[in-house]
Amino acid sequence: MKFLKSVKDEMKQVTWPTGQEISKYTSTVIVTVLLFGVFFAVVDFGIVEIMDLIMSI
């Protein structure tokens, strides 16, 4: 029971993000994931093309 009381006391001290902050952070994560996805797709395409060029020689 002492542990649960400590957890409750700690949770009262937590600063929770506002709805606007959550939206901002979520959109930042989505944009970052999309940019990384495009980057790795371009790199993958480039590597495949280079490997095809090397293999055709």
PDB file of N, CA and C in Angstrom:
ATOM      1  N   MET A   1       0.825  -1.209   0.000  1.00  0.00           N
ATOM      2  CA  MET A   1       0.000   0.000   0.000  1.00  0.00           C
ATOM      3  C   MET A   1       0.865   1.267   0.000  1.00  0.00           C
ATOM      4  N   LYS A   2       2.005   1.193   0.686  1.00  0.00           N
ATOM      5  CA  LYS A   2       2.890   2.351   0.723  1.00  0.00           C
ATOM      6  C   LYS A   2       3.398   2.680  -0.684  1.00  0.00           C
ATOM      7  N   PHE A   3       3.693   1.618  -1.447  1.00  0.00           N
ATOM      8  CA  PHE A   3       4.166   1.812  -2.815  1.00  0.00           C
ATOM      9  C   PHE A   3       3.115   2.530  -3.659  1.00  0.00           C
ATOM     10  N   LEU A   4       1.859   2.089  -3.557  1.00  0.00           N
ATOM     11  CA  LEU A   4       0.793   2.706  -4.342  1.00  0.00           C
ATOM     12  C   LEU A   4       0.569   4.160  -3.942  1.00  0.00           C
ATOM     13  N   LYS A   5       0.703   4.459  -2.668  1.00  0.00           N
ATOM     14  CA  LYS A   5       0.577   5.847  -2.221  1.00  0.00           C
ATOM     15  C   LYS A   5       1.705   6.687  -2.800  1.00  0.00           C
ATOM     16  N   SER A   6       2.916   6.120  -2.851  1.00  0.00           N
ATOM     17  CA  SER A   6       4.053   6.843  -3.436  1.00  0.00           C
ATOM     18  C   SER A   6       3.826   7.096  -4.925  1.00  0.00           C
ATOM     19  N   VAL A   7       3.284   6.103  -5.610  1.00  0.00           N
ATOM     20  CA  VAL A   7       2.989   6.261  -7.028  1.00  0.00           C
ATOM     21  C   VAL A   7       1.963   7.370  -7.222  1.00  0.00           C
ATOM     22  N   LYS A   8       0.919   7.371  -6.414  1.00  0.00           N
ATOM     23  CA  LYS A   8      -0.125   8.404  -6.506  1.00  0.00           C
ATOM     24  C   LYS A   8       0.471   9.790  -6.272  1.00  0.00           C
ATOM     25  N   ASP A   9       1.333   9.923  -5.275  1.00  0.00           N
ATOM     26  CA  ASP A   9       1.961  11.211  -4.992  1.00  0.00           C
ATOM     27  C   ASP A   9       2.849  11.668  -6.153  1.00  0.00           C
ATOM     28  N   GLU A  10       3.583  10.744  -6.744  1.00  0.00           N
ATOM     29  CA  GLU A  10       4.441  11.087  -7.889  1.00  0.00           C
ATOM     30  C   GLU A  10       3.603  11.514  -9.093  1.00  0.00           C
ATOM     31  N   MET A  11       2.489  10.828  -9.330  1.00  0.00           N
ATOM     32  CA  MET A  11       1.640  11.154 -10.474  1.00  0.00           C
ATOM     33  C   MET A  11       1.036  12.556 -10.338  1.00  0.00           C
ATOM     34  N   LYS A  12       0.846  13.028  -9.129  1.00  0.00           N
ATOM     35  CA  LYS A  12       0.331  14.384  -8.919  1.00  0.00           C
ATOM     36  C   LYS A  12       1.372  15.429  -9.320  1.00  0.00           C
ATOM     37  N   GLN A  13       2.649  15.065  -9.292  1.00  0.00           N
ATOM     38  CA  GLN A  13       3.714  16.007  -9.611  1.00  0.00           C
ATOM     39  C   GLN A  13       4.028  16.052 -11.114  1.00  0.00           C
ATOM     40  N   VAL A  14       3.459  15.125 -11.864  1.00  0.00           N
ATOM     41  CA  VAL A  14       3.726  15.064 -13.298  1.00  0.00           C
ATOM     42  C   VAL A  14       3.072  16.241 -13.998  1.00  0.00           C
ATOM     43  N   THR A  15       3.794  16.852 -14.924  1.00  0.00           N
ATOM     44  CA  THR A  15       3.237  17.918 -15.756  1.00  0.00           C
ATOM     45  C   THR A  15       2.762  17.291 -17.059  1.00  0.00           C
ATOM     46  N   TRP A  16       1.470  17.224 -17.255  1.00  0.00           N
ATOM     47  CA  TRP A  16       0.906  16.584 -18.430  1.00  0.00           C
ATOM     48  C   TRP A  16       0.812  17.596 -19.574  1.00  0.00           C
ATOM     49  N   PRO A  17       1.069  17.153 -20.803  1.00  0.00           N
ATOM     50  CA  PRO A  17       0.980  18.077 -21.945  1.00  0.00           C
ATOM     51  C   PRO A  17      -0.472  18.449 -22.243  1.00  0.00           C
ATOM     52  N   THR A  18      -0.639  19.632 -22.803  1.00  0.00           N
ATOM     53  CA  THR A  18      -1.976  20.076 -23.187  1.00  0.00           C
ATOM     54  C   THR A  18      -2.360  19.418 -24.510  1.00  0.00           C
ATOM     55  N   GLY A  19      -3.608  19.536 -24.875  1.00  0.00           N
ATOM     56  CA  GLY A  19      -4.079  18.974 -26.139  1.00  0.00           C
ATOM     57  C   GLY A  19      -3.354  19.579 -27.332  1.00  0.00           C
ATOM     58  N   GLN A  20      -3.076  20.892 -27.253  1.00  0.00           N
ATOM     59  CA  GLN A  20      -2.372  21.579 -28.334  1.00  0.00           C
ATOM     60  C   GLN A  20      -0.934  21.053 -28.451  1.00  0.00           C
ATOM     61  N   GLU A  21      -0.283  20.810 -27.321  1.00  0.00           N
ATOM     62  CA  GLU A  21       1.081  20.267 -27.340  1.00  0.00           C
ATOM     63  C   GLU A  21       1.095  18.858 -27.924  1.00  0.00           C
ATOM     64  N   ILE A  22       0.112  18.050 -27.555  1.00  0.00           N
ATOM     65  CA  ILE A  22       0.030  16.690 -28.077  1.00  0.00           C
ATOM     66  C   ILE A  22      -0.135  16.709 -29.591  1.00  0.00           C
ATOM     67  N   SER A  23      -0.994  17.600 -30.089  1.00  0.00           N
ATOM     68  CA  SER A  23      -1.187  17.719 -31.538  1.00  0.00           C
ATOM     69  C   SER A  23       0.109  18.130 -32.233  1.00  0.00           C
ATOM     70  N   LYS A  24       0.807  19.085 -31.646  1.00  0.00           N
ATOM     71  CA  LYS A  24       2.071  19.565 -32.214  1.00  0.00           C
ATOM     72  C   LYS A  24       3.100  18.436 -32.247  1.00  0.00           C
ATOM     73  N   TYR A  25       3.245  17.716 -31.142  1.00  0.00           N
ATOM     74  CA  TYR A  25       4.222  16.632 -31.065  1.00  0.00           C
ATOM     75  C   TYR A  25       3.866  15.496 -32.019  1.00  0.00           C
ATOM     76  N   THR A  26       2.574  15.193 -32.120  1.00  0.00           N
ATOM     77  CA  THR A  26       2.130  14.117 -33.014  1.00  0.00           C
ATOM     78  C   THR A  26       2.413  14.468 -34.464  1.00  0.00           C
ATOM     79  N   SER A  27       2.110  15.699 -34.857  1.00  0.00           N
ATOM     80  CA  SER A  27       2.371  16.095 -36.248  1.00  0.00           C
ATOM     81  C   SER A  27       3.873  16.113 -36.533  1.00  0.00           C
ATOM     82  N   THR A  28       4.674  16.515 -35.554  1.00  0.00           N
ATOM     83  CA  THR A  28       6.127  16.494 -35.728  1.00  0.00           C
ATOM     84  C   THR A  28       6.623  15.075 -35.953  1.00  0.00           C
ATOM     85  N   VAL A  29       6.121  14.139 -35.191  1.00  0.00           N
ATOM     86  CA  VAL A  29       6.532  12.737 -35.339  1.00  0.00           C
ATOM     87  C   VAL A  29       6.107  12.203 -36.704  1.00  0.00           C
ATOM     88  N   ILE A  30       4.885  12.492 -37.126  1.00  0.00           N
ATOM     89  CA  ILE A  30       4.389  11.985 -38.417  1.00  0.00           C
ATOM     90  C   ILE A  30       5.220  12.546 -39.567  1.00  0.00           C
ATOM     91  N   VAL A  31       5.496  13.846 -39.540  1.00  0.00           N
ATOM     92  CA  VAL A  31       6.300  14.464 -40.609  1.00  0.00           C
ATOM     93  C   VAL A  31       7.710  13.868 -40.618  1.00  0.00           C
ATOM     94  N   THR A  32       8.305  13.689 -39.451  1.00  0.00           N
ATOM     95  CA  THR A  32       9.647  13.116 -39.371  1.00  0.00           C
ATOM     96  C   THR A  32       9.680  11.695 -39.920  1.00  0.00           C
ATOM     97  N   VAL A  33       8.703  10.890 -39.561  1.00  0.00           N
ATOM     98  CA  VAL A  33       8.639   9.514 -40.061  1.00  0.00           C
ATOM     99  C   VAL A  33       8.484   9.503 -41.579  1.00  0.00           C
ATOM    100  N   LEU A  34       7.640  10.368 -42.103  1.00  0.00           N
ATOM    101  CA  LEU A  34       7.454  10.433 -43.557  1.00  0.00           C
ATOM    102  C   LEU A  34       8.738  10.859 -44.262  1.00  0.00           C
ATOM    103  N   LEU A  35       9.431  11.852 -43.720  1.00  0.00           N
ATOM    104  CA  LEU A  35      10.680  12.298 -44.325  1.00  0.00           C
ATOM    105  C   LEU A  35      11.735  11.193 -44.311  1.00  0.00           C
ATOM    106  N   PHE A  36      11.855  10.497 -43.196  1.00  0.00           N
ATOM    107  CA  PHE A  36      12.803   9.384 -43.134  1.00  0.00           C
ATOM    108  C   PHE A  36      12.408   8.285 -44.105  1.00  0.00           C
ATOM    109  N   GLY A  37      11.118   8.019 -44.226  1.00  0.00           N
ATOM    110  CA  GLY A  37      10.647   7.000 -45.165  1.00  0.00           C
ATOM    111  C   GLY A  37      11.010   7.352 -46.592  1.00  0.00           C
ATOM    112  N   VAL A  38      10.794   8.605 -46.982  1.00  0.00           N
ATOM    113  CA  VAL A  38      11.150   9.054 -48.334  1.00  0.00           C
ATOM    114  C   VAL A  38      12.662   8.966 -48.525  1.00  0.00           C
ATOM    115  N   PHE A  39      13.430   9.411 -47.541  1.00  0.00           N
ATOM    116  CA  PHE A  39      14.888   9.367 -47.628  1.00  0.00           C
ATOM    117  C   PHE A  39      15.376   7.943 -47.861  1.00  0.00           C
ATOM    118  N   PHE A  40      14.903   7.000 -47.049  1.00  0.00           N
ATOM    119  CA  PHE A  40      15.370   5.624 -47.182  1.00  0.00           C
ATOM    120  C   PHE A  40      14.874   4.974 -48.472  1.00  0.00           C
ATOM    121  N   ALA A  41      13.700   5.361 -48.956  1.00  0.00           N
ATOM    122  CA  ALA A  41      13.217   4.842 -50.232  1.00  0.00           C
ATOM    123  C   ALA A  41      14.114   5.315 -51.367  1.00  0.00           C
ATOM    124  N   VAL A  42      14.515   6.591 -51.343  1.00  0.00           N
ATOM    125  CA  VAL A  42      15.408   7.133 -52.374  1.00  0.00           C
ATOM    126  C   VAL A  42      16.771   6.450 -52.310  1.00  0.00           C
ATOM    127  N   VAL A  43      17.305   6.293 -51.105  1.00  0.00           N
ATOM    128  CA  VAL A  43      18.601   5.617 -50.949  1.00  0.00           C
ATOM    129  C   VAL A  43      18.507   4.176 -51.438  1.00  0.00           C
ATOM    130  N   ASP A  44      17.443   3.477 -51.085  1.00  0.00           N
ATOM    131  CA  ASP A  44      17.258   2.096 -51.520  1.00  0.00           C
ATOM    132  C   ASP A  44      17.175   2.023 -53.046  1.00  0.00           C
ATOM    133  N   PHE A  45      16.415   2.924 -53.641  1.00  0.00           N
ATOM    134  CA  PHE A  45      16.296   2.949 -55.095  1.00  0.00           C
ATOM    135  C   PHE A  45      17.664   3.188 -55.736  1.00  0.00           C
ATOM    136  N   GLY A  46      18.430   4.122 -55.172  1.00  0.00           N
ATOM    137  CA  GLY A  46      19.762   4.410 -55.698  1.00  0.00           C
ATOM    138  C   GLY A  46      20.690   3.211 -55.609  1.00  0.00           C
ATOM    139  N   ILE A  47      20.664   2.521 -54.495  1.00  0.00           N
ATOM    140  CA  ILE A  47      21.519   1.340 -54.327  1.00  0.00           C
ATOM    141  C   ILE A  47      21.125   0.249 -55.318  1.00  0.00           C
ATOM    142  N   VAL A  48      19.835   0.031 -55.503  1.00  0.00           N
ATOM    143  CA  VAL A  48      19.370  -0.982 -56.460  1.00  0.00           C
ATOM    144  C   VAL A  48      19.830  -0.620 -57.869  1.00  0.00           C
ATOM    145  N   GLU A  49      19.703   0.649 -58.244  1.00  0.00           N
ATOM    146  CA  GLU A  49      20.123   1.070 -59.576  1.00  0.00           C
ATOM    147  C   GLU A  49      21.629   0.897 -59.758  1.00  0.00           C
ATOM    148  N   ILE A  50      22.411   1.251 -58.756  1.00  0.00           N
ATOM    149  CA  ILE A  50      23.862   1.079 -58.845  1.00  0.00           C
ATOM    150  C   ILE A  50      24.230  -0.395 -58.953  1.00  0.00           C
ATOM    151  N   MET A  51      23.567  -1.240 -58.169  1.00  0.00           N
ATOM    152  CA  MET A  51      23.837  -2.685 -58.223  1.00  0.00           C
ATOM    153  C   MET A  51      23.456  -3.248 -59.595  1.00  0.00           C
ATOM    154  N   ASP A  52      22.342  -2.815 -60.171  1.00  0.00           N
ATOM    155  CA  ASP A  52      21.942  -3.260 -61.514  1.00  0.00           C
ATOM    156  C   ASP A  52      22.972  -2.822 -62.554  1.00  0.00           C
ATOM    157  N   LEU A  53      23.471  -1.599 -62.413  1.00  0.00           N
ATOM    158  CA  LEU A  53      24.480  -1.093 -63.344  1.00  0.00           C
ATOM    159  C   LEU A  53      25.763  -1.918 -63.246  1.00  0.00           C
ATOM    160  N   ILE A  54      26.185  -2.213 -62.020  1.00  0.00           N
ATOM    161  CA  ILE A  54      27.392  -3.015 -61.803  1.00  0.00           C
ATOM    162  C   ILE A  54      27.210  -4.422 -62.362  1.00  0.00           C
ATOM    163  N   MET A  55      26.047  -5.013 -62.156  1.00  0.00           N
ATOM    164  CA  MET A  55      25.809  -6.387 -62.596  1.00  0.00           C
ATOM    165  C   MET A  55      25.691  -6.484 -64.116  1.00  0.00           C
ATOM    166  N   SER A  56      25.303  -5.402 -64.764  1.00  0.00           N
ATOM    167  CA  SER A  56      25.140  -5.452 -66.230  1.00  0.00           C
ATOM    168  C   SER A  56      26.463  -5.259 -66.966  1.00  0.00           C
ATOM    169  N   ILE A  57      27.494  -4.892 -66.252  1.00  0.00           N
ATOM    170  CA  ILE A  57      28.800  -4.678 -66.902  1.00  0.00           C
ATOM    171  C   ILE A  57      29.525  -5.985 -67.099  1.00  0.00           C
TER     172      ILE A  57
END
